[in-house]
Amino acid sequence: MAFEGLEGRVTIVTGAASGIGLASAQRLAREGATVVLVDVDAERLEPAAADIGGTAIVADVSSEEQVTGYYAEVRERFGRVDLLHNNAGIGGQPVPLHETSMDDFDRLLRINQRGIFLNLREMIRTALAQDDGAAIVNTASGTALHGVPGLSAYASTKAAILSLTRSAAVEYAANGIRTNAVVPGPVGTPLFEAFPDDFQAGAEQFNPQGRRGTPHEIAPVVAFLLSSEASYVNGAAYSADGGELA
């Protein structure tokens, strides 16, 4: 299945070296998009980009200087930026809230919230300058919408992403900029697979489908939301979670 309005569109995908970001980049490339893959993991990123004929940019999404730098680089090379999958994020080991260190909490804030904000802001600035609209998908998490013991700090950063998504959607709708979120459940990514085995097993048992999803089950949702077929979808939080939130 192909979605309309993706072919030739210059698309940035952050956190693209593995997991959902990589699957999204692969799907968008198959749809004919011009894909720029951004990640801090150069070892994984460069072969991933080469495999799909994309462009690799090694960068830290939490650095304002680096974020503004790679948007400028993409605009200089391709003349524009049309789409963004704002996906980069980190997890960490489950830990009770009262035992969470400030170093761990600040790191989550830096990547999961500041990084999403910086990319969202720069994409909106770019789209306003181009004056012909854009589509953005932010990656949130089901933990933003239901409690999970041990993930309070992580979940709080993902809830912030939903708030940013809704606010941006309303604020820039008149400019033709659509901002949506994909809300995955447990998905077999390096982030999820770094959790203890019993935590992973518990997440699968809790899920109505009794299993984790795959990154390639999330990628089509991202592609749809970025496509022109979702032209009236704005400010939505699309769940892809096997029915977990139901």
Protein backbone atom coordinates (compact mmCIF):
# COMPACT_ATOMS: atom_id res chain seq x y z
CA MET A 1 0.00 0.00 0.00
CA ALA A 2 1.29 3.44 -0.92
CA PHE A 3 0.23 6.74 0.60
CA GLU A 4 -0.26 9.82 -1.55
CA GLY A 5 1.85 12.91 -1.18
CA LEU A 6 5.11 11.42 0.06
CA GLU A 7 7.06 11.01 -3.16
CA GLY A 8 9.88 13.51 -3.45
CA ARG A 9 9.13 15.10 -0.09
CA VAL A 10 12.23 16.02 1.91
CA THR A 11 11.80 14.28 5.26
CA ILE A 12 13.85 14.34 8.45
CA VAL A 13 13.63 11.32 10.76
CA THR A 14 15.35 11.60 14.13
CA GLY A 15 16.44 8.59 16.14
CA ALA A 16 16.70 6.84 12.78
CA ALA A 17 19.56 4.42 13.42
CA SER A 18 17.33 1.72 14.91
CA GLY A 19 13.86 0.83 16.13
CA ILE A 20 10.82 2.85 15.10
CA GLY A 21 12.90 5.61 13.53
CA LEU A 22 14.72 3.20 11.24
CA ALA A 23 11.49 1.42 10.24
CA SER A 24 9.89 4.79 9.54
CA ALA A 25 12.83 5.92 7.40
CA GLN A 26 12.71 2.67 5.45
CA ARG A 27 8.96 2.95 4.84
CA LEU A 28 9.17 6.60 3.80
CA ALA A 29 12.01 5.83 1.41
CA ARG A 30 9.90 3.08 -0.19
CA GLU A 31 7.14 5.66 -0.59
CA GLY A 32 9.56 7.80 -2.59
CA ALA A 33 10.43 10.39 0.04
CA THR A 34 13.87 11.94 0.22
CA VAL A 35 14.90 10.83 3.69
CA VAL A 36 17.46 12.40 6.00
CA LEU A 37 18.29 10.13 8.94
CA VAL A 38 19.52 11.78 12.14
CA ASP A 39 21.01 9.96 15.15
CA VAL A 40 23.96 10.09 17.55
CA ASP A 41 24.87 6.48 16.73
CA ALA A 42 27.12 6.88 13.70
CA GLU A 43 28.02 3.19 13.59
CA ARG A 44 24.41 2.15 12.97
CA LEU A 45 23.23 5.28 11.21
CA GLU A 46 25.54 5.40 8.24
CA PRO A 47 24.86 1.87 6.93
CA ALA A 48 21.13 2.35 7.59
CA ALA A 49 21.10 5.49 5.46
CA ALA A 50 23.17 3.87 2.72
CA ASP A 51 20.80 0.90 2.61
CA ILE A 52 17.81 3.11 1.70
CA GLY A 53 19.65 5.72 -0.33
CA GLY A 54 19.13 8.33 2.37
CA THR A 55 21.36 10.98 3.90
CA ALA A 56 22.96 10.37 7.32
CA ILE A 57 23.56 13.22 9.75
CA VAL A 58 25.18 12.36 13.06
CA ALA A 59 23.85 14.80 15.64
CA ASP A 60 22.54 15.20 19.18
CA VAL A 61 18.88 16.25 19.11
CA SER A 62 19.21 17.92 22.52
CA SER A 63 21.78 20.43 21.22
CA GLU A 64 20.18 23.61 19.90
CA GLU A 65 23.27 24.38 17.85
CA GLN A 66 23.32 20.95 16.24
CA VAL A 67 19.57 20.91 15.53
CA THR A 68 19.58 24.32 13.86
CA GLY A 69 22.74 23.23 12.06
CA TYR A 70 21.29 20.11 10.45
CA TYR A 71 18.09 21.87 9.37
CA ALA A 72 20.28 24.49 7.68
CA GLU A 73 22.34 21.71 6.10
CA VAL A 74 19.23 19.96 4.74
CA ARG A 75 17.78 23.21 3.40
CA GLU A 76 21.07 24.03 1.71
CA ARG A 77 21.34 20.59 0.11
CA PHE A 78 17.71 20.00 -0.89
CA GLY A 79 16.26 23.50 -0.90
CA ARG A 80 13.56 22.75 1.68
CA VAL A 81 12.23 20.46 4.42
CA ASP A 82 8.66 19.16 4.05
CA LEU A 83 8.12 16.49 6.68
CA LEU A 84 9.45 15.50 10.10
CA HIS A 85 9.21 12.31 12.09
CA ASN A 86 10.31 13.69 15.45
CA ASN A 87 11.19 10.35 16.99
CA ALA A 88 14.47 10.36 18.92
CA GLY A 89 14.13 9.32 22.53
CA ILE A 90 15.67 7.29 25.32
CA GLY A 91 14.37 5.00 28.03
CA GLY A 92 16.35 3.67 30.96
CA GLN A 93 15.82 1.00 33.54
CA PRO A 94 12.50 0.89 35.41
CA VAL A 95 12.93 2.44 38.83
CA PRO A 96 10.43 3.61 41.47
CA LEU A 97 9.80 7.35 41.38
CA HIS A 98 11.26 7.89 44.87
CA GLU A 99 14.51 6.24 43.80
CA THR A 100 14.89 8.16 40.52
CA SER A 101 18.11 10.17 40.42
CA MET A 102 18.11 13.74 39.15
CA ASP A 103 20.84 12.82 36.67
CA ASP A 104 18.58 10.19 35.11
CA PHE A 105 15.56 12.49 35.16
CA ASP A 106 17.49 15.37 33.60
CA ARG A 107 18.81 13.09 30.85
CA LEU A 108 15.26 12.01 30.00
CA LEU A 109 14.15 15.63 29.91
CA ARG A 110 17.09 16.60 27.72
CA ILE A 111 16.51 13.99 25.03
CA ASN A 112 12.80 13.17 25.19
CA GLN A 113 11.41 16.64 25.83
CA ARG A 114 14.04 19.22 24.88
CA GLY A 115 15.04 17.23 21.77
CA ILE A 116 11.44 16.94 20.61
CA PHE A 117 10.84 20.64 21.29
CA LEU A 118 13.95 21.78 19.40
CA ASN A 119 13.10 19.74 16.32
CA LEU A 120 9.45 20.79 16.43
CA ARG A 121 10.42 24.44 16.72
CA GLU A 122 12.97 24.29 13.91
CA MET A 123 10.58 22.42 11.59
CA ILE A 124 7.88 25.01 12.23
CA ARG A 125 10.30 27.86 11.61
CA THR A 126 11.32 26.21 8.34
CA ALA A 127 7.73 25.60 7.27
CA LEU A 128 6.71 29.19 8.04
CA ALA A 129 9.60 30.49 5.95
CA GLN A 130 8.63 28.20 3.06
CA ASP A 131 4.99 29.26 3.46
CA ASP A 132 3.48 26.12 1.96
CA GLY A 133 2.70 23.90 4.93
CA ALA A 134 4.30 20.84 6.47
CA ALA A 135 3.46 17.66 8.36
CA ILE A 136 5.03 16.54 11.62
CA VAL A 137 4.69 13.34 13.63
CA ASN A 138 6.04 13.23 17.17
CA THR A 139 6.66 9.86 18.82
CA ALA A 140 5.00 9.65 22.24
CA SER A 141 4.18 6.49 24.21
CA GLY A 142 1.25 4.71 25.76
CA THR A 143 2.91 5.41 29.12
CA ALA A 144 1.83 9.02 28.65
CA LEU A 145 -1.78 7.90 28.95
CA HIS A 146 -1.71 5.14 31.55
CA GLY A 147 0.47 4.50 34.56
CA VAL A 148 3.33 2.01 34.47
CA PRO A 149 5.21 1.32 37.71
CA GLY A 150 8.87 2.21 37.41
CA LEU A 151 8.46 4.51 34.40
CA SER A 152 7.16 7.70 36.03
CA ALA A 153 10.03 9.91 34.85
CA TYR A 154 9.98 8.49 31.32
CA ALA A 155 6.19 8.73 31.11
CA SER A 156 6.22 12.38 32.17
CA THR A 157 8.44 13.29 29.21
CA LYS A 158 6.16 11.41 26.82
CA ALA A 159 3.10 13.19 28.24
CA ALA A 160 4.85 16.49 27.51
CA ILE A 161 5.16 15.42 23.88
CA LEU A 162 1.39 15.03 23.62
CA SER A 163 0.91 18.51 25.04
CA LEU A 164 3.39 19.99 22.56
CA THR A 165 1.66 18.14 19.74
CA ARG A 166 -1.79 19.50 20.55
CA SER A 167 -0.57 23.04 21.16
CA ALA A 168 1.41 23.20 17.92
CA ALA A 169 -1.47 21.65 15.97
CA VAL A 170 -3.85 24.40 17.07
CA GLU A 171 -1.34 27.23 16.86
CA TYR A 172 -0.16 26.54 13.31
CA ALA A 173 -3.14 24.91 11.62
CA ALA A 174 -3.92 28.12 9.75
CA ASN A 175 -0.40 28.00 8.30
CA GLY A 176 -1.02 24.55 6.81
CA ILE A 177 1.22 22.84 9.36
CA ARG A 178 -0.20 19.59 10.73
CA THR A 179 1.23 18.15 13.93
CA ASN A 180 0.22 14.71 15.17
CA ALA A 181 1.61 12.06 17.49
CA VAL A 182 2.00 8.33 17.19
CA VAL A 183 1.48 6.53 20.52
CA PRO A 184 3.11 3.08 20.46
CA GLY A 185 2.56 0.38 23.03
CA PRO A 186 5.34 -2.11 23.81
CA VAL A 187 7.43 -2.45 20.66
CA GLY A 188 10.51 -4.57 20.07
CA THR A 189 13.06 -1.78 19.91
CA PRO A 190 16.48 -1.49 21.57
CA LEU A 191 14.82 0.76 24.18
CA PHE A 192 12.21 -1.86 25.13
CA GLU A 193 14.63 -4.79 24.89
CA ALA A 194 16.96 -3.08 27.37
CA PHE A 195 14.32 -3.55 30.08
CA PRO A 196 14.64 -6.57 32.38
CA ASP A 197 13.17 -9.79 31.00
CA ASP A 198 10.41 -9.91 33.60
CA PHE A 199 9.37 -6.33 32.75
CA GLN A 200 9.17 -7.21 29.05
CA ALA A 201 7.17 -10.34 29.79
CA GLY A 202 4.79 -8.39 32.02
CA ALA A 203 4.21 -5.78 29.30
CA GLU A 204 3.37 -8.50 26.80
CA GLN A 205 1.03 -10.25 29.23
CA PHE A 206 -0.81 -6.98 29.93
CA ASN A 207 -1.30 -6.32 26.21
CA PRO A 208 -4.64 -7.57 24.78
CA GLN A 209 -2.81 -9.17 21.86
CA GLY A 210 -0.38 -10.82 24.24
CA ARG A 211 2.72 -9.67 22.44
CA ARG A 212 5.01 -6.75 21.68
CA GLY A 213 4.62 -4.94 18.38
CA THR A 214 7.33 -4.51 15.78
CA PRO A 215 8.76 -1.22 14.51
CA HIS A 216 7.40 -2.06 11.06
CA GLU A 217 3.88 -2.10 12.53
CA ILE A 218 4.35 1.51 13.67
CA ALA A 219 5.97 2.85 10.49
CA PRO A 220 2.80 2.75 8.32
CA VAL A 221 0.97 4.86 10.92
CA VAL A 222 3.74 7.45 10.71
CA ALA A 223 3.71 7.36 6.91
CA PHE A 224 -0.07 7.84 6.83
CA LEU A 225 0.03 10.80 9.21
CA LEU A 226 2.76 12.46 7.14
CA SER A 227 0.95 11.81 3.86
CA SER A 228 -1.57 14.03 2.13
CA GLU A 229 -4.19 11.35 2.79
CA ALA A 230 -4.21 12.55 6.40
CA SER A 231 -4.80 16.15 5.34
CA TYR A 232 -7.64 16.65 7.86
CA VAL A 233 -5.87 14.90 10.74
CA ASN A 234 -4.31 17.44 13.08
CA GLY A 235 -3.55 17.33 16.80
CA ALA A 236 -4.31 13.61 17.00
CA ALA A 237 -2.63 11.00 19.17
CA TYR A 238 -2.76 7.79 17.09
CA SER A 239 -2.39 4.67 19.19
CA ALA A 240 -0.61 1.63 17.78
CA ASP A 241 -0.62 -0.63 20.79
CA GLY A 242 -2.54 -3.83 20.22
CA GLY A 243 -5.56 -2.41 22.04
CA GLU A 244 -3.72 -1.61 25.27
CA LEU A 245 -5.33 1.80 25.81
CA ALA A 246 -8.77 0.40 25.04
